[in-house]
Amino acid sequence: MTTTVYGLKNCDTCKKATKWLDRFQVAYTFVDYRDHKPAPETLVDWAAQAGGFAALVNKSSTTWRQLPDNRKAAGSDAEWKLLLREYPQLIKRPVVVSADGAMTQGFSDNGFKQRFGVGA
């Protein structure tokens, strides 16, 4: 089973997640979504699995806080897709997608142990 980890190469949480995967020998591919922005269809899929576009966004990030209020009030999927393609660093990290398309966000030791069925 191939796992893809989407994030930012300089993100501490992404580094923790990939170190965990390395430690437990879980095969994965890392994609920096500043260099390879997610396609609009991918963003729609992630949002559906996360519970909506608002759930996909890290609202405590510096980037979010610096956005003008009118950009924070995206009223449609199209506006969300445009915002997240323009500022991929707004997406909560890391986004972990399994070969079957199942997506989760964030990293915790226990969460990864459950997800990958190792280290328990």
PDB file of N, CA and C in Angstrom:
ATOM      1  N   MET A   1       0.850  -1.186   0.000  1.00  0.00           N
ATOM      2  CA  MET A   1       0.000   0.000   0.000  1.00  0.00           C
ATOM      3  C   MET A   1       0.889   1.240   0.000  1.00  0.00           C
ATOM      4  N   THR A   2       0.638   2.144  -0.920  1.00  0.00           N
ATOM      5  CA  THR A   2       1.415   3.364  -1.013  1.00  0.00           C
ATOM      6  C   THR A   2       0.671   4.492  -0.321  1.00  0.00           C
ATOM      7  N   THR A   3       1.402   5.236   0.464  1.00  0.00           N
ATOM      8  CA  THR A   3       0.858   6.384   1.172  1.00  0.00           C
ATOM      9  C   THR A   3       1.535   7.630   0.625  1.00  0.00           C
ATOM     10  N   THR A   4       0.763   8.690   0.441  1.00  0.00           N
ATOM     11  CA  THR A   4       1.325   9.968   0.018  1.00  0.00           C
ATOM     12  C   THR A   4       1.123  10.962   1.138  1.00  0.00           C
ATOM     13  N   VAL A   5       2.202  11.638   1.500  1.00  0.00           N
ATOM     14  CA  VAL A   5       2.165  12.663   2.540  1.00  0.00           C
ATOM     15  C   VAL A   5       2.327  14.003   1.833  1.00  0.00           C
ATOM     16  N   TYR A   6       1.318  14.857   1.984  1.00  0.00           N
ATOM     17  CA  TYR A   6       1.354  16.195   1.399  1.00  0.00           C
ATOM     18  C   TYR A   6       1.628  17.190   2.520  1.00  0.00           C
ATOM     19  N   GLY A   7       2.531  18.107   2.262  1.00  0.00           N
ATOM     20  CA  GLY A   7       2.845  19.113   3.274  1.00  0.00           C
ATOM     21  C   GLY A   7       3.893  20.063   2.749  1.00  0.00           C
ATOM     22  N   LEU A   8       4.621  20.650   3.694  1.00  0.00           N
ATOM     23  CA  LEU A   8       5.701  21.568   3.360  1.00  0.00           C
ATOM     24  C   LEU A   8       6.994  21.001   3.914  1.00  0.00           C
ATOM     25  N   LYS A   9       8.047  21.012   3.105  1.00  0.00           N
ATOM     26  CA  LYS A   9       9.288  20.360   3.523  1.00  0.00           C
ATOM     27  C   LYS A   9       9.899  20.995   4.768  1.00  0.00           C
ATOM     28  N   ASN A  10       9.600  22.248   5.049  1.00  0.00           N
ATOM     29  CA  ASN A  10      10.164  22.909   6.225  1.00  0.00           C
ATOM     30  C   ASN A  10       9.226  22.896   7.435  1.00  0.00           C
ATOM     31  N   CYS A  11       8.092  22.247   7.314  1.00  0.00           N
ATOM     32  CA  CYS A  11       7.094  22.201   8.390  1.00  0.00           C
ATOM     33  C   CYS A  11       7.534  21.187   9.455  1.00  0.00           C
ATOM     34  N   ASP A  12       7.607  21.619  10.706  1.00  0.00           N
ATOM     35  CA  ASP A  12       8.030  20.729  11.793  1.00  0.00           C
ATOM     36  C   ASP A  12       7.097  19.530  11.948  1.00  0.00           C
ATOM     37  N   THR A  13       5.792  19.746  11.828  1.00  0.00           N
ATOM     38  CA  THR A  13       4.842  18.646  11.971  1.00  0.00           C
ATOM     39  C   THR A  13       5.012  17.633  10.842  1.00  0.00           C
ATOM     40  N   CYS A  14       5.259  18.115   9.638  1.00  0.00           N
ATOM     41  CA  CYS A  14       5.495  17.209   8.506  1.00  0.00           C
ATOM     42  C   CYS A  14       6.778  16.406   8.726  1.00  0.00           C
ATOM     43  N   LYS A  15       7.795  17.057   9.267  1.00  0.00           N
ATOM     44  CA  LYS A  15       9.054  16.357   9.555  1.00  0.00           C
ATOM     45  C   LYS A  15       8.830  15.268  10.599  1.00  0.00           C
ATOM     46  N   LYS A  16       8.053  15.579  11.633  1.00  0.00           N
ATOM     47  CA  LYS A  16       7.742  14.571  12.659  1.00  0.00           C
ATOM     48  C   LYS A  16       7.004  13.386  12.048  1.00  0.00           C
ATOM     49  N   ALA A  17       6.044  13.687  11.184  1.00  0.00           N
ATOM     50  CA  ALA A  17       5.250  12.626  10.554  1.00  0.00           C
ATOM     51  C   ALA A  17       6.123  11.736   9.678  1.00  0.00           C
ATOM     52  N   THR A  18       7.001  12.333   8.865  1.00  0.00           N
ATOM     53  CA  THR A  18       7.834  11.510   7.988  1.00  0.00           C
ATOM     54  C   THR A  18       8.882  10.732   8.789  1.00  0.00           C
ATOM     55  N   LYS A  19       9.383  11.309   9.868  1.00  0.00           N
ATOM     56  CA  LYS A  19      10.315  10.556  10.728  1.00  0.00           C
ATOM     57  C   LYS A  19       9.611   9.355  11.349  1.00  0.00           C
ATOM     58  N   TRP A  20       8.361   9.542  11.756  1.00  0.00           N
ATOM     59  CA  TRP A  20       7.583   8.439  12.322  1.00  0.00           C
ATOM     60  C   TRP A  20       7.413   7.342  11.273  1.00  0.00           C
ATOM     61  N   LEU A  21       7.040   7.731  10.061  1.00  0.00           N
ATOM     62  CA  LEU A  21       6.847   6.748   8.991  1.00  0.00           C
ATOM     63  C   LEU A  21       8.158   6.008   8.689  1.00  0.00           C
ATOM     64  N   ASP A  22       9.259   6.733   8.687  1.00  0.00           N
ATOM     65  CA  ASP A  22      10.565   6.099   8.477  1.00  0.00           C
ATOM     66  C   ASP A  22      10.866   5.107   9.600  1.00  0.00           C
ATOM     67  N   ARG A  23      10.630   5.523  10.843  1.00  0.00           N
ATOM     68  CA  ARG A  23      10.928   4.670  12.002  1.00  0.00           C
ATOM     69  C   ARG A  23      10.158   3.357  11.956  1.00  0.00           C
ATOM     70  N   PHE A  24       8.892   3.434  11.526  1.00  0.00           N
ATOM     71  CA  PHE A  24       8.066   2.230  11.468  1.00  0.00           C
ATOM     72  C   PHE A  24       8.055   1.587  10.076  1.00  0.00           C
ATOM     73  N   GLN A  25       8.958   2.045   9.224  1.00  0.00           N
ATOM     74  CA  GLN A  25       9.154   1.494   7.888  1.00  0.00           C
ATOM     75  C   GLN A  25       7.864   1.429   7.069  1.00  0.00           C
ATOM     76  N   VAL A  26       7.121   2.526   7.118  1.00  0.00           N
ATOM     77  CA  VAL A  26       5.912   2.661   6.300  1.00  0.00           C
ATOM     78  C   VAL A  26       6.332   3.384   5.013  1.00  0.00           C
ATOM     79  N   ALA A  27       6.106   2.737   3.880  1.00  0.00           N
ATOM     80  CA  ALA A  27       6.476   3.336   2.593  1.00  0.00           C
ATOM     81  C   ALA A  27       5.573   4.532   2.298  1.00  0.00           C
ATOM     82  N   TYR A  28       6.184   5.614   1.853  1.00  0.00           N
ATOM     83  CA  TYR A  28       5.404   6.807   1.526  1.00  0.00           C
ATOM     84  C   TYR A  28       6.149   7.632   0.497  1.00  0.00           C
ATOM     85  N   THR A  29       5.404   8.524  -0.120  1.00  0.00           N
ATOM     86  CA  THR A  29       5.958   9.532  -1.009  1.00  0.00           C
ATOM     87  C   THR A  29       5.600  10.878  -0.412  1.00  0.00           C
ATOM     88  N   PHE A  30       6.569  11.795  -0.364  1.00  0.00           N
ATOM     89  CA  PHE A  30       6.303  13.131   0.169  1.00  0.00           C
ATOM     90  C   PHE A  30       6.140  14.107  -0.976  1.00  0.00           C
ATOM     91  N   VAL A  31       5.074  14.914  -0.911  1.00  0.00           N
ATOM     92  CA  VAL A  31       4.814  15.933  -1.928  1.00  0.00           C
ATOM     93  C   VAL A  31       4.706  17.282  -1.230  1.00  0.00           C
ATOM     94  N   ASP A  32       5.601  18.188  -1.584  1.00  0.00           N
ATOM     95  CA  ASP A  32       5.539  19.554  -1.048  1.00  0.00           C
ATOM     96  C   ASP A  32       4.511  20.312  -1.880  1.00  0.00           C
ATOM     97  N   TYR A  33       3.416  20.730  -1.239  1.00  0.00           N
ATOM     98  CA  TYR A  33       2.363  21.335  -2.055  1.00  0.00           C
ATOM     99  C   TYR A  33       2.566  22.808  -2.341  1.00  0.00           C
ATOM    100  N   ARG A  34       3.720  23.335  -2.011  1.00  0.00           N
ATOM    101  CA  ARG A  34       4.082  24.640  -2.571  1.00  0.00           C
ATOM    102  C   ARG A  34       4.646  24.433  -3.971  1.00  0.00           C
ATOM    103  N   ASP A  35       5.415  23.344  -4.123  1.00  0.00           N
ATOM    104  CA  ASP A  35       6.015  23.037  -5.432  1.00  0.00           C
ATOM    105  C   ASP A  35       5.030  22.359  -6.371  1.00  0.00           C
ATOM    106  N   HIS A  36       4.152  21.533  -5.823  1.00  0.00           N
ATOM    107  CA  HIS A  36       3.173  20.773  -6.613  1.00  0.00           C
ATOM    108  C   HIS A  36       1.793  21.014  -6.017  1.00  0.00           C
ATOM    109  N   LYS A  37       1.181  22.113  -6.427  1.00  0.00           N
ATOM    110  CA  LYS A  37      -0.115  22.498  -5.859  1.00  0.00           C
ATOM    111  C   LYS A  37      -1.175  21.459  -6.174  1.00  0.00           C
ATOM    112  N   PRO A  38      -2.000  21.131  -5.164  1.00  0.00           N
ATOM    113  CA  PRO A  38      -3.063  20.145  -5.397  1.00  0.00           C
ATOM    114  C   PRO A  38      -4.046  20.639  -6.458  1.00  0.00           C
ATOM    115  N   ALA A  39      -4.482  19.717  -7.290  1.00  0.00           N
ATOM    116  CA  ALA A  39      -5.471  20.043  -8.321  1.00  0.00           C
ATOM    117  C   ALA A  39      -6.790  20.412  -7.648  1.00  0.00           C
ATOM    118  N   PRO A  40      -7.609  21.230  -8.306  1.00  0.00           N
ATOM    119  CA  PRO A  40      -8.902  21.594  -7.730  1.00  0.00           C
ATOM    120  C   PRO A  40      -9.746  20.377  -7.341  1.00  0.00           C
ATOM    121  N   GLU A  41      -9.710  19.321  -8.167  1.00  0.00           N
ATOM    122  CA  GLU A  41     -10.483  18.110  -7.861  1.00  0.00           C
ATOM    123  C   GLU A  41      -9.967  17.447  -6.584  1.00  0.00           C
ATOM    124  N   THR A  42      -8.663  17.481  -6.388  1.00  0.00           N
ATOM    125  CA  THR A  42      -8.064  16.918  -5.175  1.00  0.00           C
ATOM    126  C   THR A  42      -8.520  17.697  -3.958  1.00  0.00           C
ATOM    127  N   LEU A  43      -8.536  19.025  -4.065  1.00  0.00           N
ATOM    128  CA  LEU A  43      -8.986  19.861  -2.951  1.00  0.00           C
ATOM    129  C   LEU A  43     -10.444  19.566  -2.602  1.00  0.00           C
ATOM    130  N   VAL A  44     -11.274  19.362  -3.606  1.00  0.00           N
ATOM    131  CA  VAL A  44     -12.689  19.042  -3.376  1.00  0.00           C
ATOM    132  C   VAL A  44     -12.805  17.707  -2.641  1.00  0.00           C
ATOM    133  N   ASP A  45     -12.021  16.718  -3.065  1.00  0.00           N
ATOM    134  CA  ASP A  45     -12.037  15.406  -2.407  1.00  0.00           C
ATOM    135  C   ASP A  45     -11.582  15.521  -0.959  1.00  0.00           C
ATOM    136  N   TRP A  46     -10.473  16.219  -0.729  1.00  0.00           N
ATOM    137  CA  TRP A  46      -9.976  16.396   0.642  1.00  0.00           C
ATOM    138  C   TRP A  46     -11.004  17.106   1.506  1.00  0.00           C
ATOM    139  N   ALA A  47     -11.619  18.150   0.951  1.00  0.00           N
ATOM    140  CA  ALA A  47     -12.619  18.901   1.714  1.00  0.00           C
ATOM    141  C   ALA A  47     -13.801  18.017   2.084  1.00  0.00           C
ATOM    142  N   ALA A  48     -14.221  17.172   1.153  1.00  0.00           N
ATOM    143  CA  ALA A  48     -15.341  16.262   1.431  1.00  0.00           C
ATOM    144  C   ALA A  48     -14.986  15.320   2.576  1.00  0.00           C
ATOM    145  N   GLN A  49     -13.768  14.817   2.584  1.00  0.00           N
ATOM    146  CA  GLN A  49     -13.350  13.891   3.637  1.00  0.00           C
ATOM    147  C   GLN A  49     -13.089  14.598   4.963  1.00  0.00           C
ATOM    148  N   ALA A  50     -12.697  15.874   4.896  1.00  0.00           N
ATOM    149  CA  ALA A  50     -12.386  16.628   6.116  1.00  0.00           C
ATOM    150  C   ALA A  50     -13.640  17.218   6.765  1.00  0.00           C
ATOM    151  N   GLY A  51     -14.742  17.275   6.017  1.00  0.00           N
ATOM    152  CA  GLY A  51     -15.960  17.875   6.550  1.00  0.00           C
ATOM    153  C   GLY A  51     -16.189  19.291   6.055  1.00  0.00           C
ATOM    154  N   GLY A  52     -15.620  19.610   4.907  1.00  0.00           N
ATOM    155  CA  GLY A  52     -15.801  20.926   4.304  1.00  0.00           C
ATOM    156  C   GLY A  52     -14.482  21.659   4.183  1.00  0.00           C
ATOM    157  N   PHE A  53     -14.487  22.678   3.326  1.00  0.00           N
ATOM    158  CA  PHE A  53     -13.263  23.439   3.101  1.00  0.00           C
ATOM    159  C   PHE A  53     -12.782  24.132   4.374  1.00  0.00           C
ATOM    160  N   ALA A  54     -13.688  24.641   5.178  1.00  0.00           N
ATOM    161  CA  ALA A  54     -13.280  25.337   6.402  1.00  0.00           C
ATOM    162  C   ALA A  54     -12.502  24.404   7.330  1.00  0.00           C
ATOM    163  N   ALA A  55     -12.853  23.107   7.345  1.00  0.00           N
ATOM    164  CA  ALA A  55     -12.160  22.136   8.191  1.00  0.00           C
ATOM    165  C   ALA A  55     -10.774  21.808   7.647  1.00  0.00           C
ATOM    166  N   LEU A  56     -10.549  22.083   6.390  1.00  0.00           N
ATOM    167  CA  LEU A  56      -9.272  21.800   5.744  1.00  0.00           C
ATOM    168  C   LEU A  56      -8.217  22.865   6.072  1.00  0.00           C
ATOM    169  N   VAL A  57      -8.668  24.025   6.523  1.00  0.00           N
ATOM    170  CA  VAL A  57      -7.801  25.187   6.700  1.00  0.00           C
ATOM    171  C   VAL A  57      -7.294  25.312   8.134  1.00  0.00           C
ATOM    172  N   ASN A  58      -6.011  25.636   8.258  1.00  0.00           N
ATOM    173  CA  ASN A  58      -5.397  25.924   9.549  1.00  0.00           C
ATOM    174  C   ASN A  58      -5.637  27.398   9.857  1.00  0.00           C
ATOM    175  N   LYS A  59      -6.656  27.665  10.661  1.00  0.00           N
ATOM    176  CA  LYS A  59      -7.050  29.048  10.937  1.00  0.00           C
ATOM    177  C   LYS A  59      -6.204  29.713  12.019  1.00  0.00           C
ATOM    178  N   SER A  60      -5.249  28.985  12.573  1.00  0.00           N
ATOM    179  CA  SER A  60      -4.350  29.606  13.543  1.00  0.00           C
ATOM    180  C   SER A  60      -3.008  29.971  12.898  1.00  0.00           C
ATOM    181  N   SER A  61      -2.904  29.751  11.588  1.00  0.00           N
ATOM    182  CA  SER A  61      -1.644  30.043  10.903  1.00  0.00           C
ATOM    183  C   SER A  61      -1.458  31.541  10.690  1.00  0.00           C
ATOM    184  N   THR A  62      -0.203  31.930  10.569  1.00  0.00           N
ATOM    185  CA  THR A  62       0.137  33.327  10.290  1.00  0.00           C
ATOM    186  C   THR A  62      -0.459  33.754   8.957  1.00  0.00           C
ATOM    187  N   THR A  63      -0.388  32.879   7.969  1.00  0.00           N
ATOM    188  CA  THR A  63      -0.922  33.203   6.640  1.00  0.00           C
ATOM    189  C   THR A  63      -2.404  33.528   6.730  1.00  0.00           C
ATOM    190  N   TRP A  64      -3.180  32.706   7.469  1.00  0.00           N
ATOM    191  CA  TRP A  64      -4.612  32.937   7.615  1.00  0.00           C
ATOM    192  C   TRP A  64      -4.874  34.284   8.302  1.00  0.00           C
ATOM    193  N   ARG A  65      -4.142  34.544   9.372  1.00  0.00           N
ATOM    194  CA  ARG A  65      -4.357  35.786  10.130  1.00  0.00           C
ATOM    195  C   ARG A  65      -4.025  37.018   9.300  1.00  0.00           C
ATOM    196  N   GLN A  66      -3.122  36.883   8.343  1.00  0.00           N
ATOM    197  CA  GLN A  66      -2.725  38.031   7.521  1.00  0.00           C
ATOM    198  C   GLN A  66      -3.615  38.249   6.304  1.00  0.00           C
ATOM    199  N   LEU A  67      -4.508  37.297   6.036  1.00  0.00           N
ATOM    200  CA  LEU A  67      -5.409  37.465   4.895  1.00  0.00           C
ATOM    201  C   LEU A  67      -6.434  38.561   5.176  1.00  0.00           C
ATOM    202  N   PRO A  68      -6.825  39.302   4.147  1.00  0.00           N
ATOM    203  CA  PRO A  68      -7.915  40.261   4.325  1.00  0.00           C
ATOM    204  C   PRO A  68      -9.208  39.506   4.655  1.00  0.00           C
ATOM    205  N   ASP A  69     -10.067  40.118   5.428  1.00  0.00           N
ATOM    206  CA  ASP A  69     -11.304  39.471   5.869  1.00  0.00           C
ATOM    207  C   ASP A  69     -12.152  38.953   4.704  1.00  0.00           C
ATOM    208  N   ASN A  70     -12.169  39.682   3.592  1.00  0.00           N
ATOM    209  CA  ASN A  70     -12.999  39.228   2.465  1.00  0.00           C
ATOM    210  C   ASN A  70     -12.483  37.920   1.876  1.00  0.00           C
ATOM    211  N   ARG A  71     -11.171  37.632   1.990  1.00  0.00           N
ATOM    212  CA  ARG A  71     -10.631  36.357   1.495  1.00  0.00           C
ATOM    213  C   ARG A  71     -10.949  35.218   2.464  1.00  0.00           C
ATOM    214  N   LYS A  72     -11.080  35.540   3.748  1.00  0.00           N
ATOM    215  CA  LYS A  72     -11.382  34.521   4.755  1.00  0.00           C
ATOM    216  C   LYS A  72     -12.832  34.067   4.676  1.00  0.00           C
ATOM    217  N   ALA A  73     -13.667  34.874   4.061  1.00  0.00           N
ATOM    218  CA  ALA A  73     -15.097  34.576   4.000  1.00  0.00           C
ATOM    219  C   ALA A  73     -15.465  33.955   2.655  1.00  0.00           C
ATOM    220  N   ALA A  74     -14.700  32.963   2.245  1.00  0.00           N
ATOM    221  CA  ALA A  74     -14.995  32.301   0.968  1.00  0.00           C
ATOM    222  C   ALA A  74     -16.407  31.729   1.026  1.00  0.00           C
ATOM    223  N   GLY A  75     -17.215  32.097   0.046  1.00  0.00           N
ATOM    224  CA  GLY A  75     -18.621  31.709   0.070  1.00  0.00           C
ATOM    225  C   GLY A  75     -18.972  30.544  -0.833  1.00  0.00           C
ATOM    226  N   SER A  76     -18.014  30.090  -1.610  1.00  0.00           N
ATOM    227  CA  SER A  76     -18.311  28.990  -2.532  1.00  0.00           C
ATOM    228  C   SER A  76     -17.100  28.068  -2.639  1.00  0.00           C
ATOM    229  N   ASP A  77     -17.338  26.870  -3.144  1.00  0.00           N
ATOM    230  CA  ASP A  77     -16.237  25.938  -3.366  1.00  0.00           C
ATOM    231  C   ASP A  77     -15.195  26.543  -4.302  1.00  0.00           C
ATOM    232  N   ALA A  78     -15.656  27.274  -5.304  1.00  0.00           N
ATOM    233  CA  ALA A  78     -14.734  27.883  -6.265  1.00  0.00           C
ATOM    234  C   ALA A  78     -13.802  28.878  -5.563  1.00  0.00           C
ATOM    235  N   GLU A  79     -14.349  29.671  -4.647  1.00  0.00           N
ATOM    236  CA  GLU A  79     -13.521  30.638  -3.913  1.00  0.00           C
ATOM    237  C   GLU A  79     -12.524  29.923  -3.007  1.00  0.00           C
ATOM    238  N   TRP A  80     -12.976  28.838  -2.348  1.00  0.00           N
ATOM    239  CA  TRP A  80     -12.068  28.053  -1.501  1.00  0.00           C
ATOM    240  C   TRP A  80     -10.940  27.454  -2.328  1.00  0.00           C
ATOM    241  N   LYS A  81     -11.293  26.869  -3.481  1.00  0.00           N
ATOM    242  CA  LYS A  81     -10.276  26.246  -4.330  1.00  0.00           C
ATOM    243  C   LYS A  81      -9.247  27.279  -4.773  1.00  0.00           C
ATOM    244  N   LEU A  82      -9.718  28.448  -5.157  1.00  0.00           N
ATOM    245  CA  LEU A  82      -8.818  29.522  -5.589  1.00  0.00           C
ATOM    246  C   LEU A  82      -7.896  29.931  -4.432  1.00  0.00           C
ATOM    247  N   LEU A  83      -8.463  30.093  -3.245  1.00  0.00           N
ATOM    248  CA  LEU A  83      -7.683  30.496  -2.072  1.00  0.00           C
ATOM    249  C   LEU A  83      -6.613  29.459  -1.737  1.00  0.00           C
ATOM    250  N   LEU A  84      -6.988  28.178  -1.736  1.00  0.00           N
ATOM    251  CA  LEU A  84      -6.047  27.127  -1.356  1.00  0.00           C
ATOM    252  C   LEU A  84      -5.013  26.842  -2.443  1.00  0.00           C
ATOM    253  N   ARG A  85      -5.341  27.130  -3.681  1.00  0.00           N
ATOM    254  CA  ARG A  85      -4.333  27.001  -4.738  1.00  0.00           C
ATOM    255  C   ARG A  85      -3.351  28.162  -4.656  1.00  0.00           C
ATOM    256  N   GLU A  86      -3.856  29.341  -4.268  1.00  0.00           N
ATOM    257  CA  GLU A  86      -2.991  30.507  -4.132  1.00  0.00           C
ATOM    258  C   GLU A  86      -2.123  30.416  -2.870  1.00  0.00           C
ATOM    259  N   TYR A  87      -2.692  29.889  -1.793  1.00  0.00           N
ATOM    260  CA  TYR A  87      -1.998  29.774  -0.509  1.00  0.00           C
ATOM    261  C   TYR A  87      -2.079  28.331   0.002  1.00  0.00           C
ATOM    262  N   PRO A  88      -1.347  27.401  -0.613  1.00  0.00           N
ATOM    263  CA  PRO A  88      -1.439  25.998  -0.176  1.00  0.00           C
ATOM    264  C   PRO A  88      -0.989  25.802   1.273  1.00  0.00           C
ATOM    265  N   GLN A  89      -0.189  26.728   1.786  1.00  0.00           N
ATOM    266  CA  GLN A  89       0.271  26.611   3.172  1.00  0.00           C
ATOM    267  C   GLN A  89      -0.872  26.775   4.177  1.00  0.00           C
ATOM    268  N   LEU A  90      -2.056  27.169   3.723  1.00  0.00           N
ATOM    269  CA  LEU A  90      -3.217  27.260   4.603  1.00  0.00           C
ATOM    270  C   LEU A  90      -3.787  25.892   4.975  1.00  0.00           C
ATOM    271  N   ILE A  91      -3.474  24.877   4.180  1.00  0.00           N
ATOM    272  CA  ILE A  91      -4.019  23.538   4.427  1.00  0.00           C
ATOM    273  C   ILE A  91      -3.342  22.956   5.666  1.00  0.00           C
ATOM    274  N   LYS A  92      -4.173  22.430   6.594  1.00  0.00           N
ATOM    275  CA  LYS A  92      -3.615  21.782   7.792  1.00  0.00           C
ATOM    276  C   LYS A  92      -2.683  20.670   7.362  1.00  0.00           C
ATOM    277  N   ARG A  93      -1.536  20.571   8.039  1.00  0.00           N
ATOM    278  CA  ARG A  93      -0.507  19.632   7.624  1.00  0.00           C
ATOM    279  C   ARG A  93      -0.221  18.603   8.704  1.00  0.00           C
ATOM    280  N   PRO A  94       0.309  17.468   8.231  1.00  0.00           N
ATOM    281  CA  PRO A  94       0.336  16.987   6.855  1.00  0.00           C
ATOM    282  C   PRO A  94      -1.013  16.404   6.456  1.00  0.00           C
ATOM    283  N   VAL A  95      -1.226  16.318   5.162  1.00  0.00           N
ATOM    284  CA  VAL A  95      -2.363  15.586   4.622  1.00  0.00           C
ATOM    285  C   VAL A  95      -1.810  14.225   4.209  1.00  0.00           C
ATOM    286  N   VAL A  96      -2.394  13.166   4.749  1.00  0.00           N
ATOM    287  CA  VAL A  96      -1.915  11.808   4.477  1.00  0.00           C
ATOM    288  C   VAL A  96      -3.011  11.076   3.704  1.00  0.00           C
ATOM    289  N   VAL A  97      -2.642  10.598   2.512  1.00  0.00           N
ATOM    290  CA  VAL A  97      -3.604   9.917   1.649  1.00  0.00           C
ATOM    291  C   VAL A  97      -3.101   8.505   1.373  1.00  0.00           C
ATOM    292  N   SER A  98      -3.939   7.527   1.700  1.00  0.00           N
ATOM    293  CA  SER A  98      -3.616   6.119   1.445  1.00  0.00           C
ATOM    294  C   SER A  98      -3.932   5.772   0.000  1.00  0.00           C
ATOM    295  N   ALA A  99      -3.454   4.620  -0.433  1.00  0.00           N
ATOM    296  CA  ALA A  99      -3.688   4.166  -1.810  1.00  0.00           C
ATOM    297  C   ALA A  99      -5.174   4.080  -2.131  1.00  0.00           C
ATOM    298  N   ASP A 100      -6.006   3.784  -1.112  1.00  0.00           N
ATOM    299  CA  ASP A 100      -7.450   3.688  -1.335  1.00  0.00           C
ATOM    300  C   ASP A 100      -8.141   5.048  -1.371  1.00  0.00           C
ATOM    301  N   GLY A 101      -7.360   6.137  -1.201  1.00  0.00           N
ATOM    302  CA  GLY A 101      -7.909   7.486  -1.260  1.00  0.00           C
ATOM    303  C   GLY A 101      -8.333   8.056   0.078  1.00  0.00           C
ATOM    304  N   ALA A 102      -8.248   7.264   1.157  1.00  0.00           N
ATOM    305  CA  ALA A 102      -8.632   7.759   2.488  1.00  0.00           C
ATOM    306  C   ALA A 102      -7.640   8.834   2.926  1.00  0.00           C
ATOM    307  N   MET A 103      -8.165   9.951   3.398  1.00  0.00           N
ATOM    308  CA  MET A 103      -7.363  11.106   3.760  1.00  0.00           C
ATOM    309  C   MET A 103      -7.533  11.443   5.233  1.00  0.00           C
ATOM    310  N   THR A 104      -6.408  11.778   5.882  1.00  0.00           N
ATOM    311  CA  THR A 104      -6.436  12.333   7.233  1.00  0.00           C
ATOM    312  C   THR A 104      -5.488  13.524   7.257  1.00  0.00           C
ATOM    313  N   GLN A 105      -5.688  14.378   8.257  1.00  0.00           N
ATOM    314  CA  GLN A 105      -4.834  15.552   8.412  1.00  0.00           C
ATOM    315  C   GLN A 105      -4.185  15.532   9.776  1.00  0.00           C
ATOM    316  N   GLY A 106      -3.003  16.128   9.836  1.00  0.00           N
ATOM    317  CA  GLY A 106      -2.316  16.275  11.103  1.00  0.00           C
ATOM    318  C   GLY A 106      -1.487  15.055  11.453  1.00  0.00           C
ATOM    319  N   PHE A 107      -0.752  15.185  12.558  1.00  0.00           N
ATOM    320  CA  PHE A 107       0.091  14.089  13.016  1.00  0.00           C
ATOM    321  C   PHE A 107       0.001  13.947  14.527  1.00  0.00           C
ATOM    322  N   SER A 108      -0.155  12.720  14.960  1.00  0.00           N
ATOM    323  CA  SER A 108       0.036  12.360  16.361  1.00  0.00           C
ATOM    324  C   SER A 108       0.544  10.931  16.368  1.00  0.00           C
ATOM    325  N   ASP A 109       1.370  10.605  17.334  1.00  0.00           N
ATOM    326  CA  ASP A 109       1.937   9.267  17.431  1.00  0.00           C
ATOM    327  C   ASP A 109       0.819   8.222  17.491  1.00  0.00           C
ATOM    328  N   ASN A 110      -0.134   8.425  18.394  1.00  0.00           N
ATOM    329  CA  ASN A 110      -1.230   7.460  18.541  1.00  0.00           C
ATOM    330  C   ASN A 110      -2.109   7.397  17.301  1.00  0.00           C
ATOM    331  N   GLY A 111      -2.365   8.540  16.689  1.00  0.00           N
ATOM    332  CA  GLY A 111      -3.178   8.572  15.478  1.00  0.00           C
ATOM    333  C   GLY A 111      -2.538   7.788  14.348  1.00  0.00           C
ATOM    334  N   PHE A 112      -1.228   7.937  14.184  1.00  0.00           N
ATOM    335  CA  PHE A 112      -0.523   7.202  13.138  1.00  0.00           C
ATOM    336  C   PHE A 112      -0.454   5.712  13.478  1.00  0.00           C
ATOM    337  N   LYS A 113      -0.272   5.380  14.751  1.00  0.00           N
ATOM    338  CA  LYS A 113      -0.251   3.966  15.142  1.00  0.00           C
ATOM    339  C   LYS A 113      -1.569   3.301  14.769  1.00  0.00           C
ATOM    340  N   GLN A 114      -2.665   4.003  15.038  1.00  0.00           N
ATOM    341  CA  GLN A 114      -3.991   3.473  14.680  1.00  0.00           C
ATOM    342  C   GLN A 114      -4.150   3.376  13.172  1.00  0.00           C
ATOM    343  N   ARG A 115      -3.806   4.440  12.486  1.00  0.00           N
ATOM    344  CA  ARG A 115      -4.001   4.493  11.038  1.00  0.00           C
ATOM    345  C   ARG A 115      -3.213   3.408  10.310  1.00  0.00           C
ATOM    346  N   PHE A 116      -1.954   3.215  10.734  1.00  0.00           N
ATOM    347  CA  PHE A 116      -1.085   2.284  10.022  1.00  0.00           C
ATOM    348  C   PHE A 116      -0.964   0.924  10.697  1.00  0.00           C
ATOM    349  N   GLY A 117      -1.592   0.773  11.859  1.00  0.00           N
ATOM    350  CA  GLY A 117      -1.614  -0.520  12.534  1.00  0.00           C
ATOM    351  C   GLY A 117      -0.242  -1.019  12.942  1.00  0.00           C
ATOM    352  N   VAL A 118       0.636  -0.096  13.331  1.00  0.00           N
ATOM    353  CA  VAL A 118       1.977  -0.488  13.770  1.00  0.00           C
ATOM    354  C   VAL A 118       2.328   0.198  15.083  1.00  0.00           C
ATOM    355  N   GLY A 119       3.314  -0.347  15.753  1.00  0.00           N
ATOM    356  CA  GLY A 119       3.830   0.273  16.970  1.00  0.00           C
ATOM    357  C   GLY A 119       2.922   0.211  18.166  1.00  0.00           C
ATOM    358  N   ALA A 120       1.836  -0.531  18.072  1.00  0.00           N
ATOM    359  CA  ALA A 120       0.880  -0.579  19.184  1.00  0.00           C
ATOM    360  C   ALA A 120       1.305  -1.588  20.226  1.00  0.00           C
TER     361      ALA A 120
END
